[in-house]
Amino acid sequence: MLPLILQRADPCIRRHTDGWYYFTASVPEYDRIELRRARTIAELATAKPHDVWRKPASGPYSELIWAPEIHHHGGAWYVYFAAAPTREIKDGLFQHRMYAITCASADPFAGEWKLVGQIENGLDSFCLDATTFTHRGKLYYVWAQKEPAIRGNSNLYIAEMATPTTLATKPVRLSVPEFAWETKGFWVNEGPSVLIRKGRVFVSYSASATDENYCMGLLHASDDADLLDPRSWTKSPEPVFQTDYGKKIYGPGHNSFTVAEDGVTDLLVYHARMYTEIVGDPLWDPNRHTYVKALKWDASGMLVFGKPSEG
C-alpha cells in the first residue's frame, strides 16, 4: 500500500457539506499551517497547498507547530493546533499548549484567518492534539495532556465546550498509558479522533514512541451515555492498529476519520513510515507519510481496523 501524501504527519481530512475534502497536517518544518482541498481523496495528493497561518518569530506560539485539525462550527472554520514558545525541553517535555485560528468566510481559501488564542482548560501543562465533535446537540473537546501526578507524557481528556474556543466544563480524564503497548519508549496516549457509528462513540488514539512502536488504541461508549463520566467508556486492552513488519509500514497512528466518495465507506487517515533506521530523534525525521484505508465493521458493530497494508 502506497502513501497518499509524502512527508505529512498527523493528517486530518474532513469532507465538508460543500462537497470538498479538506486536508491539513504537520509539515516537516513545523512552522506553518497549510490546507489543501480536492473533490476526491486521491486528488488531495496533487492539490496545491495553501498556507493560512505562519508562526511568529517569537512568543508563546512561535515554535513547533504540531498536528493542526480543521473543523467547522457555527458557520465558521477553526483549526486547532499545538505550539510551544521555544524548542526547550523542561522536565522531559516540550512546552506546548493548544491554540486555534478561525476564518468566518464560507471559503477558507479566500477568507482571512485570525488567531483566536490559547484554548484554556484549567491545567497549565504540556498539551496537544485536540479534536472536537458534536453529539446530541453538545460540542465536545478531546485532547492529550500531561498531568504532573501521573507517569508519562500525556493522558486523554474530554470536556464540553461553551463555544468552539472555550470550555464549559472541567477536564475529565478518559485514559492513561497503562498497557505494555502504550509505554514503549514513552508513556503516551495522544492524537484522539472521534467517530460516531452504530450506537457508539469511538475515540481512537495513539500510543508509545513515534518510531515503529507507535500504534493505536480505542475507547468506546454508548451513544446515549454520559460522555463526561469516565465509567461510560470501555478501553481496548490490545492495540487496534500497529506496525506491519511484513509489508514495511511502521508506526501507524495519529489518525483522523473521513468518509469515501460514496458517502458510506468509513476511512482511516493516518501516518506511517516506510523504514525503521531513524537517525536521532524520530521527531525530526520528515518521512512520516499520509495513508488512507477503508475501515470495516464486525457483526457486533465494532470497528475493524485491519492492517496498514490492507486498502
C-alpha atoms as a PDB file:
ATOM      1  CA  MET A   1       0.000   0.000   0.000  1.00  0.00           C
ATOM      2  CA  LEU A   2       1.448   3.353  -1.039  1.00  0.00           C
ATOM      3  CA  PRO A   3       1.154   6.682   0.807  1.00  0.00           C
ATOM      4  CA  LEU A   4      -1.344   9.278  -0.363  1.00  0.00           C
ATOM      5  CA  ILE A   5       0.803  12.298   0.530  1.00  0.00           C
ATOM      6  CA  LEU A   6       4.512  12.234   1.342  1.00  0.00           C
ATOM      7  CA  GLN A   7       6.017  13.913   4.415  1.00  0.00           C
ATOM      8  CA  ARG A   8       2.770  14.919   6.056  1.00  0.00           C
ATOM      9  CA  ALA A   9       2.353  13.645   9.602  1.00  0.00           C
ATOM     10  CA  ASP A  10      -0.693  13.854  11.901  1.00  0.00           C
ATOM     11  CA  PRO A  11      -3.051  14.049   8.914  1.00  0.00           C
ATOM     12  CA  CYS A  12      -6.591  15.366   9.113  1.00  0.00           C
ATOM     13  CA  ILE A  13      -9.109  15.030   6.262  1.00  0.00           C
ATOM     14  CA  ARG A  14     -12.652  16.427   6.527  1.00  0.00           C
ATOM     15  CA  ARG A  15     -15.407  16.137   3.949  1.00  0.00           C
ATOM     16  CA  HIS A  16     -17.445  19.332   4.234  1.00  0.00           C
ATOM     17  CA  THR A  17     -21.037  19.978   3.221  1.00  0.00           C
ATOM     18  CA  ASP A  18     -19.752  21.888   0.160  1.00  0.00           C
ATOM     19  CA  GLY A  19     -18.569  18.578  -1.282  1.00  0.00           C
ATOM     20  CA  TRP A  20     -14.849  19.315  -0.932  1.00  0.00           C
ATOM     21  CA  TYR A  21     -12.325  17.269   1.010  1.00  0.00           C
ATOM     22  CA  TYR A  22     -10.125  19.487   3.199  1.00  0.00           C
ATOM     23  CA  PHE A  23      -6.682  18.340   4.317  1.00  0.00           C
ATOM     24  CA  THR A  24      -4.180  19.632   6.848  1.00  0.00           C
ATOM     25  CA  ALA A  25      -1.242  18.033   8.670  1.00  0.00           C
ATOM     26  CA  SER A  26       2.064  18.739  10.373  1.00  0.00           C
ATOM     27  CA  VAL A  27       4.662  19.933   7.893  1.00  0.00           C
ATOM     28  CA  PRO A  28       8.300  18.790   8.418  1.00  0.00           C
ATOM     29  CA  GLU A  29       9.423  22.331   9.247  1.00  0.00           C
ATOM     30  CA  TYR A  30       6.762  22.692  11.998  1.00  0.00           C
ATOM     31  CA  ASP A  31       6.471  26.370  11.054  1.00  0.00           C
ATOM     32  CA  ARG A  32       3.046  26.848   9.465  1.00  0.00           C
ATOM     33  CA  ILE A  33      -0.489  25.611   8.885  1.00  0.00           C
ATOM     34  CA  GLU A  34      -1.360  24.624   5.349  1.00  0.00           C
ATOM     35  CA  LEU A  35      -4.613  23.489   3.769  1.00  0.00           C
ATOM     36  CA  ARG A  36      -5.395  21.515   0.644  1.00  0.00           C
ATOM     37  CA  ARG A  37      -8.740  20.686  -0.893  1.00  0.00           C
ATOM     38  CA  ALA A  38     -10.000  18.444  -3.648  1.00  0.00           C
ATOM     39  CA  ARG A  39     -13.183  16.799  -4.876  1.00  0.00           C
ATOM     40  CA  THR A  40     -11.772  13.330  -4.228  1.00  0.00           C
ATOM     41  CA  ILE A  41      -9.397  11.776  -1.722  1.00  0.00           C
ATOM     42  CA  ALA A  42      -6.948  10.806  -4.464  1.00  0.00           C
ATOM     43  CA  GLU A  43      -6.807  14.361  -5.827  1.00  0.00           C
ATOM     44  CA  LEU A  44      -5.556  15.669  -2.478  1.00  0.00           C
ATOM     45  CA  ALA A  45      -2.168  14.211  -3.394  1.00  0.00           C
ATOM     46  CA  THR A  46      -1.689  16.766  -6.170  1.00  0.00           C
ATOM     47  CA  ALA A  47      -3.771  19.617  -4.740  1.00  0.00           C
ATOM     48  CA  LYS A  48      -1.825  22.835  -4.258  1.00  0.00           C
ATOM     49  CA  PRO A  49      -1.009  23.589  -0.593  1.00  0.00           C
ATOM     50  CA  HIS A  50      -2.284  26.933   0.685  1.00  0.00           C
ATOM     51  CA  ASP A  51      -0.621  28.444   3.754  1.00  0.00           C
ATOM     52  CA  VAL A  52      -3.238  30.016   6.042  1.00  0.00           C
ATOM     53  CA  TRP A  53      -1.020  30.847   9.032  1.00  0.00           C
ATOM     54  CA  ARG A  54       2.674  31.053   9.831  1.00  0.00           C
ATOM     55  CA  LYS A  55       4.280  31.123  13.241  1.00  0.00           C
ATOM     56  CA  PRO A  56       5.641  34.443  14.513  1.00  0.00           C
ATOM     57  CA  ALA A  57       9.333  34.939  15.198  1.00  0.00           C
ATOM     58  CA  SER A  58       8.838  34.879  18.970  1.00  0.00           C
ATOM     59  CA  GLY A  59       6.195  34.473  21.620  1.00  0.00           C
ATOM     60  CA  PRO A  60       4.198  31.656  23.244  1.00  0.00           C
ATOM     61  CA  TYR A  61       3.201  30.023  19.926  1.00  0.00           C
ATOM     62  CA  SER A  62       6.349  30.640  17.884  1.00  0.00           C
ATOM     63  CA  GLU A  63       7.828  27.125  17.698  1.00  0.00           C
ATOM     64  CA  LEU A  64       6.946  23.543  16.795  1.00  0.00           C
ATOM     65  CA  ILE A  65       3.522  23.905  15.215  1.00  0.00           C
ATOM     66  CA  TRP A  66       2.064  20.423  15.596  1.00  0.00           C
ATOM     67  CA  ALA A  67      -0.944  18.433  14.453  1.00  0.00           C
ATOM     68  CA  PRO A  68      -3.396  21.006  13.071  1.00  0.00           C
ATOM     69  CA  GLU A  69      -7.008  19.849  12.723  1.00  0.00           C
ATOM     70  CA  ILE A  70      -9.647  21.598  10.649  1.00  0.00           C
ATOM     71  CA  HIS A  71     -13.255  21.799  11.873  1.00  0.00           C
ATOM     72  CA  HIS A  72     -16.387  23.765  11.019  1.00  0.00           C
ATOM     73  CA  HIS A  73     -18.683  25.050  13.768  1.00  0.00           C
ATOM     74  CA  GLY A  74     -21.497  27.576  13.710  1.00  0.00           C
ATOM     75  CA  GLY A  75     -20.753  28.827  10.219  1.00  0.00           C
ATOM     76  CA  ALA A  76     -17.035  29.394  10.801  1.00  0.00           C
ATOM     77  CA  TRP A  77     -13.868  27.389  10.205  1.00  0.00           C
ATOM     78  CA  TYR A  78     -11.452  26.531  13.002  1.00  0.00           C
ATOM     79  CA  VAL A  79      -8.015  24.961  13.020  1.00  0.00           C
ATOM     80  CA  TYR A  80      -6.837  23.671  16.392  1.00  0.00           C
ATOM     81  CA  PHE A  81      -3.091  23.170  16.804  1.00  0.00           C
ATOM     82  CA  ALA A  82      -0.343  22.815  19.388  1.00  0.00           C
ATOM     83  CA  ALA A  83       2.550  25.265  19.647  1.00  0.00           C
ATOM     84  CA  ALA A  84       5.438  25.996  22.006  1.00  0.00           C
ATOM     85  CA  PRO A  85       7.315  29.189  22.950  1.00  0.00           C
ATOM     86  CA  THR A  86      10.735  27.593  22.283  1.00  0.00           C
ATOM     87  CA  ARG A  87      12.280  24.221  21.478  1.00  0.00           C
ATOM     88  CA  GLU A  88      13.485  23.933  25.056  1.00  0.00           C
ATOM     89  CA  ILE A  89      12.631  20.723  26.903  1.00  0.00           C
ATOM     90  CA  LYS A  90      11.697  21.153  30.582  1.00  0.00           C
ATOM     91  CA  ASP A  91      11.165  18.208  32.906  1.00  0.00           C
ATOM     92  CA  GLY A  92      11.444  15.883  29.927  1.00  0.00           C
ATOM     93  CA  LEU A  93       8.819  17.607  27.812  1.00  0.00           C
ATOM     94  CA  PHE A  94       8.338  20.420  25.327  1.00  0.00           C
ATOM     95  CA  GLN A  95       6.117  23.274  26.482  1.00  0.00           C
ATOM     96  CA  HIS A  96       3.207  23.024  24.051  1.00  0.00           C
ATOM     97  CA  ARG A  97      -0.231  24.475  24.663  1.00  0.00           C
ATOM     98  CA  MET A  98      -3.316  24.347  22.433  1.00  0.00           C
ATOM     99  CA  TYR A  99      -4.330  27.264  20.186  1.00  0.00           C
ATOM    100  CA  ALA A 100      -6.887  27.966  17.484  1.00  0.00           C
ATOM    101  CA  ILE A 101      -7.208  30.081  14.369  1.00  0.00           C
ATOM    102  CA  THR A 102     -10.550  30.856  12.731  1.00  0.00           C
ATOM    103  CA  CYS A 103     -11.988  32.005   9.417  1.00  0.00           C
ATOM    104  CA  ALA A 104     -15.530  33.376   9.095  1.00  0.00           C
ATOM    105  CA  SER A 105     -15.642  33.058   5.300  1.00  0.00           C
ATOM    106  CA  ALA A 106     -17.515  30.198   3.659  1.00  0.00           C
ATOM    107  CA  ASP A 107     -14.380  29.690   1.572  1.00  0.00           C
ATOM    108  CA  PRO A 108     -11.400  29.065   3.896  1.00  0.00           C
ATOM    109  CA  PHE A 109      -9.013  29.584   0.977  1.00  0.00           C
ATOM    110  CA  ALA A 110     -10.305  33.079   0.253  1.00  0.00           C
ATOM    111  CA  GLY A 111     -11.162  34.358   3.730  1.00  0.00           C
ATOM    112  CA  GLU A 112      -8.856  35.800   6.354  1.00  0.00           C
ATOM    113  CA  TRP A 113      -7.632  33.541   9.139  1.00  0.00           C
ATOM    114  CA  LYS A 114      -7.195  35.079  12.578  1.00  0.00           C
ATOM    115  CA  LEU A 115      -5.570  33.738  15.708  1.00  0.00           C
ATOM    116  CA  VAL A 116      -8.130  33.236  18.460  1.00  0.00           C
ATOM    117  CA  GLY A 117      -5.565  32.415  21.106  1.00  0.00           C
ATOM    118  CA  GLN A 118      -4.967  29.670  23.616  1.00  0.00           C
ATOM    119  CA  ILE A 119      -7.633  27.122  24.463  1.00  0.00           C
ATOM    120  CA  GLU A 120      -7.631  27.268  28.255  1.00  0.00           C
ATOM    121  CA  ASN A 121      -8.617  24.130  30.137  1.00  0.00           C
ATOM    122  CA  GLY A 122      -7.532  24.860  33.695  1.00  0.00           C
ATOM    123  CA  LEU A 123      -4.469  22.596  33.542  1.00  0.00           C
ATOM    124  CA  ASP A 124      -1.267  24.526  32.889  1.00  0.00           C
ATOM    125  CA  SER A 125       0.927  21.788  31.461  1.00  0.00           C
ATOM    126  CA  PHE A 126       2.113  20.238  28.202  1.00  0.00           C
ATOM    127  CA  CYS A 127      -0.899  19.553  25.978  1.00  0.00           C
ATOM    128  CA  LEU A 128      -1.556  18.816  22.325  1.00  0.00           C
ATOM    129  CA  ASP A 129      -3.674  17.047  19.722  1.00  0.00           C
ATOM    130  CA  ALA A 130      -7.121  18.477  20.353  1.00  0.00           C
ATOM    131  CA  THR A 131     -10.148  17.442  18.346  1.00  0.00           C
ATOM    132  CA  THR A 132     -13.810  18.451  18.561  1.00  0.00           C
ATOM    133  CA  PHE A 133     -17.109  16.740  17.815  1.00  0.00           C
ATOM    134  CA  THR A 134     -20.818  17.427  18.170  1.00  0.00           C
ATOM    135  CA  HIS A 135     -23.140  14.839  19.698  1.00  0.00           C
ATOM    136  CA  ARG A 136     -26.788  15.202  20.740  1.00  0.00           C
ATOM    137  CA  GLY A 137     -26.588  18.975  20.406  1.00  0.00           C
ATOM    138  CA  LYS A 138     -23.452  19.389  22.502  1.00  0.00           C
ATOM    139  CA  LEU A 139     -19.967  20.319  21.350  1.00  0.00           C
ATOM    140  CA  TYR A 140     -17.100  18.377  22.925  1.00  0.00           C
ATOM    141  CA  TYR A 141     -13.336  18.823  23.085  1.00  0.00           C
ATOM    142  CA  VAL A 142     -10.964  15.846  23.402  1.00  0.00           C
ATOM    143  CA  TRP A 143      -7.208  16.230  23.798  1.00  0.00           C
ATOM    144  CA  ALA A 144      -3.939  14.905  25.257  1.00  0.00           C
ATOM    145  CA  GLN A 145      -2.198  16.448  28.263  1.00  0.00           C
ATOM    146  CA  LYS A 146       0.449  15.852  30.893  1.00  0.00           C
ATOM    147  CA  GLU A 147      -0.846  15.572  34.445  1.00  0.00           C
ATOM    148  CA  PRO A 148       2.098  16.034  36.844  1.00  0.00           C
ATOM    149  CA  ALA A 149       0.998  13.356  39.302  1.00  0.00           C
ATOM    150  CA  ILE A 150       0.682  10.693  36.587  1.00  0.00           C
ATOM    151  CA  ARG A 151       3.655   8.992  34.978  1.00  0.00           C
ATOM    152  CA  GLY A 152       4.128   9.630  31.278  1.00  0.00           C
ATOM    153  CA  ASN A 153       3.935  12.287  28.599  1.00  0.00           C
ATOM    154  CA  SER A 154       0.181  12.584  28.165  1.00  0.00           C
ATOM    155  CA  ASN A 155      -3.258  11.220  29.004  1.00  0.00           C
ATOM    156  CA  LEU A 156      -6.600  11.703  27.224  1.00  0.00           C
ATOM    157  CA  TYR A 157      -9.210  14.189  28.445  1.00  0.00           C
ATOM    158  CA  ILE A 158     -12.697  15.321  27.432  1.00  0.00           C
ATOM    159  CA  ALA A 159     -14.767  18.421  28.206  1.00  0.00           C
ATOM    160  CA  GLU A 160     -17.934  20.039  26.908  1.00  0.00           C
ATOM    161  CA  MET A 161     -17.461  23.341  25.076  1.00  0.00           C
ATOM    162  CA  ALA A 162     -19.357  26.594  25.606  1.00  0.00           C
ATOM    163  CA  THR A 163     -18.091  27.934  22.281  1.00  0.00           C
ATOM    164  CA  PRO A 164     -15.706  26.465  19.687  1.00  0.00           C
ATOM    165  CA  THR A 165     -12.791  28.031  21.601  1.00  0.00           C
ATOM    166  CA  THR A 166     -13.871  27.937  25.271  1.00  0.00           C
ATOM    167  CA  LEU A 167     -14.681  25.044  27.580  1.00  0.00           C
ATOM    168  CA  ALA A 168     -17.889  24.789  29.585  1.00  0.00           C
ATOM    169  CA  THR A 169     -16.753  22.033  31.951  1.00  0.00           C
ATOM    170  CA  LYS A 170     -13.621  20.904  33.719  1.00  0.00           C
ATOM    171  CA  PRO A 171     -11.383  18.281  32.087  1.00  0.00           C
ATOM    172  CA  VAL A 172     -12.380  14.664  32.632  1.00  0.00           C
ATOM    173  CA  ARG A 173      -9.620  12.075  32.310  1.00  0.00           C
ATOM    174  CA  LEU A 174     -10.547   9.172  29.999  1.00  0.00           C
ATOM    175  CA  SER A 175      -7.349   7.174  29.608  1.00  0.00           C
ATOM    176  CA  VAL A 176      -3.757   6.923  30.822  1.00  0.00           C
ATOM    177  CA  PRO A 177      -0.903   4.839  29.379  1.00  0.00           C
ATOM    178  CA  GLU A 178      -1.057   1.544  31.273  1.00  0.00           C
ATOM    179  CA  PHE A 179      -0.522  -1.379  28.908  1.00  0.00           C
ATOM    180  CA  ALA A 180       2.870  -2.508  27.587  1.00  0.00           C
ATOM    181  CA  TRP A 181       1.983  -1.406  24.031  1.00  0.00           C
ATOM    182  CA  GLU A 182       1.214   2.128  25.307  1.00  0.00           C
ATOM    183  CA  THR A 183       4.533   2.548  27.100  1.00  0.00           C
ATOM    184  CA  LYS A 184       7.255   1.572  24.635  1.00  0.00           C
ATOM    185  CA  GLY A 185       9.848   4.357  24.534  1.00  0.00           C
ATOM    186  CA  PHE A 186       7.444   6.840  26.094  1.00  0.00           C
ATOM    187  CA  TRP A 187       4.261   6.535  28.141  1.00  0.00           C
ATOM    188  CA  VAL A 188       1.835   8.159  25.724  1.00  0.00           C
ATOM    189  CA  ASN A 189      -1.870   8.491  24.952  1.00  0.00           C
ATOM    190  CA  GLU A 190      -2.302  11.187  22.279  1.00  0.00           C
ATOM    191  CA  GLY A 191      -3.849  12.045  18.919  1.00  0.00           C
ATOM    192  CA  PRO A 192      -7.521  11.308  19.716  1.00  0.00           C
ATOM    193  CA  SER A 193     -10.070  11.165  16.903  1.00  0.00           C
ATOM    194  CA  VAL A 194     -13.817  10.582  17.122  1.00  0.00           C
ATOM    195  CA  LEU A 195     -16.220   8.501  15.034  1.00  0.00           C
ATOM    196  CA  ILE A 196     -19.896   8.067  15.945  1.00  0.00           C
ATOM    197  CA  ARG A 197     -21.469   4.999  14.375  1.00  0.00           C
ATOM    198  CA  LYS A 198     -23.748   2.055  15.121  1.00  0.00           C
ATOM    199  CA  GLY A 199     -24.885   3.243  18.541  1.00  0.00           C
ATOM    200  CA  ARG A 200     -21.399   4.013  19.859  1.00  0.00           C
ATOM    201  CA  VAL A 201     -19.000   6.922  20.219  1.00  0.00           C
ATOM    202  CA  PHE A 202     -15.496   5.734  19.319  1.00  0.00           C
ATOM    203  CA  VAL A 203     -12.303   7.552  20.307  1.00  0.00           C
ATOM    204  CA  SER A 204      -9.162   6.233  18.669  1.00  0.00           C
ATOM    205  CA  TYR A 205      -5.781   7.382  19.949  1.00  0.00           C
ATOM    206  CA  SER A 206      -2.060   6.765  19.511  1.00  0.00           C
ATOM    207  CA  ALA A 207       0.416   5.318  21.996  1.00  0.00           C
ATOM    208  CA  SER A 208       4.158   4.815  22.673  1.00  0.00           C
ATOM    209  CA  ALA A 209       7.128   6.500  20.965  1.00  0.00           C
ATOM    210  CA  THR A 210       6.841   7.860  17.427  1.00  0.00           C
ATOM    211  CA  ASP A 211       9.017   5.122  15.880  1.00  0.00           C
ATOM    212  CA  GLU A 212       7.925   1.600  14.868  1.00  0.00           C
ATOM    213  CA  ASN A 213       6.391   1.194  18.344  1.00  0.00           C
ATOM    214  CA  TYR A 214       3.743   3.837  17.611  1.00  0.00           C
ATOM    215  CA  CYS A 215       0.320   2.208  17.452  1.00  0.00           C
ATOM    216  CA  MET A 216      -3.357   2.883  18.041  1.00  0.00           C
ATOM    217  CA  GLY A 217      -5.801   2.096  20.812  1.00  0.00           C
ATOM    218  CA  LEU A 218      -9.557   2.524  21.063  1.00  0.00           C
ATOM    219  CA  LEU A 219     -12.121   3.750  23.578  1.00  0.00           C
ATOM    220  CA  HIS A 220     -15.863   3.460  23.079  1.00  0.00           C
ATOM    221  CA  ALA A 221     -19.059   4.458  24.860  1.00  0.00           C
ATOM    222  CA  SER A 222     -22.746   4.028  24.160  1.00  0.00           C
ATOM    223  CA  ASP A 223     -24.048   6.995  22.190  1.00  0.00           C
ATOM    224  CA  ASP A 224     -26.704   7.638  24.862  1.00  0.00           C
ATOM    225  CA  ALA A 225     -24.216   7.553  27.764  1.00  0.00           C
ATOM    226  CA  ASP A 226     -22.871  10.488  29.751  1.00  0.00           C
ATOM    227  CA  LEU A 227     -19.653  11.107  27.822  1.00  0.00           C
ATOM    228  CA  LEU A 228     -18.238  13.140  30.722  1.00  0.00           C
ATOM    229  CA  ASP A 229     -18.415  10.123  33.029  1.00  0.00           C
ATOM    230  CA  PRO A 230     -15.237   8.009  32.747  1.00  0.00           C
ATOM    231  CA  ARG A 231     -17.285   4.952  33.711  1.00  0.00           C
ATOM    232  CA  SER A 232     -19.170   5.263  30.400  1.00  0.00           C
ATOM    233  CA  TRP A 233     -16.050   4.332  28.447  1.00  0.00           C
ATOM    234  CA  THR A 234     -14.540   0.949  27.625  1.00  0.00           C
ATOM    235  CA  LYS A 235     -10.877   0.694  26.648  1.00  0.00           C
ATOM    236  CA  SER A 236      -9.482  -1.986  24.387  1.00  0.00           C
ATOM    237  CA  PRO A 237      -6.747  -3.952  26.212  1.00  0.00           C
ATOM    238  CA  GLU A 238      -4.936  -4.571  22.919  1.00  0.00           C
ATOM    239  CA  PRO A 239      -3.806  -2.225  20.131  1.00  0.00           C
ATOM    240  CA  VAL A 240      -6.253  -1.973  17.248  1.00  0.00           C
ATOM    241  CA  PHE A 241      -3.708  -0.855  14.623  1.00  0.00           C
ATOM    242  CA  GLN A 242       0.039  -1.364  14.640  1.00  0.00           C
ATOM    243  CA  THR A 243       3.217  -1.843  12.591  1.00  0.00           C
ATOM    244  CA  ASP A 244       3.018  -4.268   9.681  1.00  0.00           C
ATOM    245  CA  TYR A 245       6.583  -5.590   9.616  1.00  0.00           C
ATOM    246  CA  GLY A 246       5.947  -7.874   6.660  1.00  0.00           C
ATOM    247  CA  LYS A 247       4.834  -5.007   4.433  1.00  0.00           C
ATOM    248  CA  LYS A 248       7.262  -2.466   5.951  1.00  0.00           C
ATOM    249  CA  ILE A 249       4.696   0.046   7.148  1.00  0.00           C
ATOM    250  CA  TYR A 250       5.974   1.242  10.513  1.00  0.00           C
ATOM    251  CA  GLY A 251       4.453   3.173  13.404  1.00  0.00           C
ATOM    252  CA  PRO A 252       0.949   3.836  12.043  1.00  0.00           C
ATOM    253  CA  GLY A 253      -1.001   6.348  14.069  1.00  0.00           C
ATOM    254  CA  HIS A 254      -2.227   9.861  14.760  1.00  0.00           C
ATOM    255  CA  ASN A 255      -5.341   9.294  12.716  1.00  0.00           C
ATOM    256  CA  SER A 256      -8.472  11.101  11.678  1.00  0.00           C
ATOM    257  CA  PHE A 257     -11.652   9.675  10.185  1.00  0.00           C
ATOM    258  CA  THR A 258     -13.424  10.648   6.986  1.00  0.00           C
ATOM    259  CA  VAL A 259     -15.878   9.090   4.535  1.00  0.00           C
ATOM    260  CA  ALA A 260     -15.310   7.912   0.969  1.00  0.00           C
ATOM    261  CA  GLU A 261     -16.882   9.486  -2.090  1.00  0.00           C
ATOM    262  CA  ASP A 262     -19.760   7.000  -1.843  1.00  0.00           C
ATOM    263  CA  GLY A 263     -20.802   8.704   1.396  1.00  0.00           C
ATOM    264  CA  VAL A 264     -20.944   5.334   3.155  1.00  0.00           C
ATOM    265  CA  THR A 265     -17.480   3.803   3.500  1.00  0.00           C
ATOM    266  CA  ASP A 266     -15.637   4.997   6.603  1.00  0.00           C
ATOM    267  CA  LEU A 267     -11.966   5.762   6.031  1.00  0.00           C
ATOM    268  CA  LEU A 268      -8.990   5.808   8.355  1.00  0.00           C
ATOM    269  CA  VAL A 269      -6.471   8.588   7.689  1.00  0.00           C
ATOM    270  CA  TYR A 270      -3.115   8.066   9.415  1.00  0.00           C
ATOM    271  CA  HIS A 271       0.618   8.497   9.090  1.00  0.00           C
ATOM    272  CA  ALA A 272       3.378   5.887   8.989  1.00  0.00           C
ATOM    273  CA  ARG A 273       6.996   5.411   7.938  1.00  0.00           C
ATOM    274  CA  MET A 274       8.465   3.027   5.392  1.00  0.00           C
ATOM    275  CA  TYR A 275      11.659   2.241   7.334  1.00  0.00           C
ATOM    276  CA  THR A 276      12.921   1.839  10.901  1.00  0.00           C
ATOM    277  CA  GLU A 277      16.500   3.121  10.517  1.00  0.00           C
ATOM    278  CA  ILE A 278      15.957   6.567  12.019  1.00  0.00           C
ATOM    279  CA  VAL A 279      18.966   8.710  12.852  1.00  0.00           C
ATOM    280  CA  GLY A 280      18.441  10.658  16.076  1.00  0.00           C
ATOM    281  CA  ASP A 281      15.062  11.637  17.485  1.00  0.00           C
ATOM    282  CA  PRO A 282      12.175  10.320  15.320  1.00  0.00           C
ATOM    283  CA  LEU A 283      10.502  13.717  15.757  1.00  0.00           C
ATOM    284  CA  TRP A 284      12.979  15.265  13.317  1.00  0.00           C
ATOM    285  CA  ASP A 285      12.712  12.550  10.693  1.00  0.00           C
ATOM    286  CA  PRO A 286      10.453  14.044   7.986  1.00  0.00           C
ATOM    287  CA  ASN A 287       9.282  10.801   6.413  1.00  0.00           C
ATOM    288  CA  ARG A 288       6.005  10.168   8.146  1.00  0.00           C
ATOM    289  CA  HIS A 289       3.613   9.920   5.222  1.00  0.00           C
ATOM    290  CA  THR A 290      -0.177  10.196   4.990  1.00  0.00           C
ATOM    291  CA  TYR A 291      -2.077   6.982   4.250  1.00  0.00           C
ATOM    292  CA  VAL A 292      -5.799   6.302   3.795  1.00  0.00           C
ATOM    293  CA  LYS A 293      -7.530   2.932   4.118  1.00  0.00           C
ATOM    294  CA  ALA A 294     -11.090   1.626   4.402  1.00  0.00           C
ATOM    295  CA  LEU A 295     -12.487   0.509   7.754  1.00  0.00           C
ATOM    296  CA  LYS A 296     -14.750  -2.463   8.328  1.00  0.00           C
ATOM    297  CA  TRP A 297     -17.294  -3.465  10.970  1.00  0.00           C
ATOM    298  CA  ASP A 298     -17.889  -6.763  12.693  1.00  0.00           C
ATOM    299  CA  ALA A 299     -21.273  -8.332  13.421  1.00  0.00           C
ATOM    300  CA  SER A 300     -21.479  -6.658  16.830  1.00  0.00           C
ATOM    301  CA  GLY A 301     -20.981  -3.162  15.402  1.00  0.00           C
ATOM    302  CA  MET A 302     -17.336  -2.801  16.437  1.00  0.00           C
ATOM    303  CA  LEU A 303     -14.716  -1.105  14.302  1.00  0.00           C
ATOM    304  CA  VAL A 304     -12.272  -3.385  12.498  1.00  0.00           C
ATOM    305  CA  PHE A 305      -9.070  -1.531  11.592  1.00  0.00           C
ATOM    306  CA  GLY A 306      -7.236  -4.389   9.920  1.00  0.00           C
ATOM    307  CA  LYS A 307      -3.606  -3.967   8.890  1.00  0.00           C
ATOM    308  CA  PRO A 308      -1.863  -0.908   7.417  1.00  0.00           C
ATOM    309  CA  SER A 309      -1.121  -2.902   4.260  1.00  0.00           C
ATOM    310  CA  GLU A 310      -4.815  -3.557   3.604  1.00  0.00           C
ATOM    311  CA  GLY A 311      -6.507  -0.981   1.379  1.00  0.00           C
END
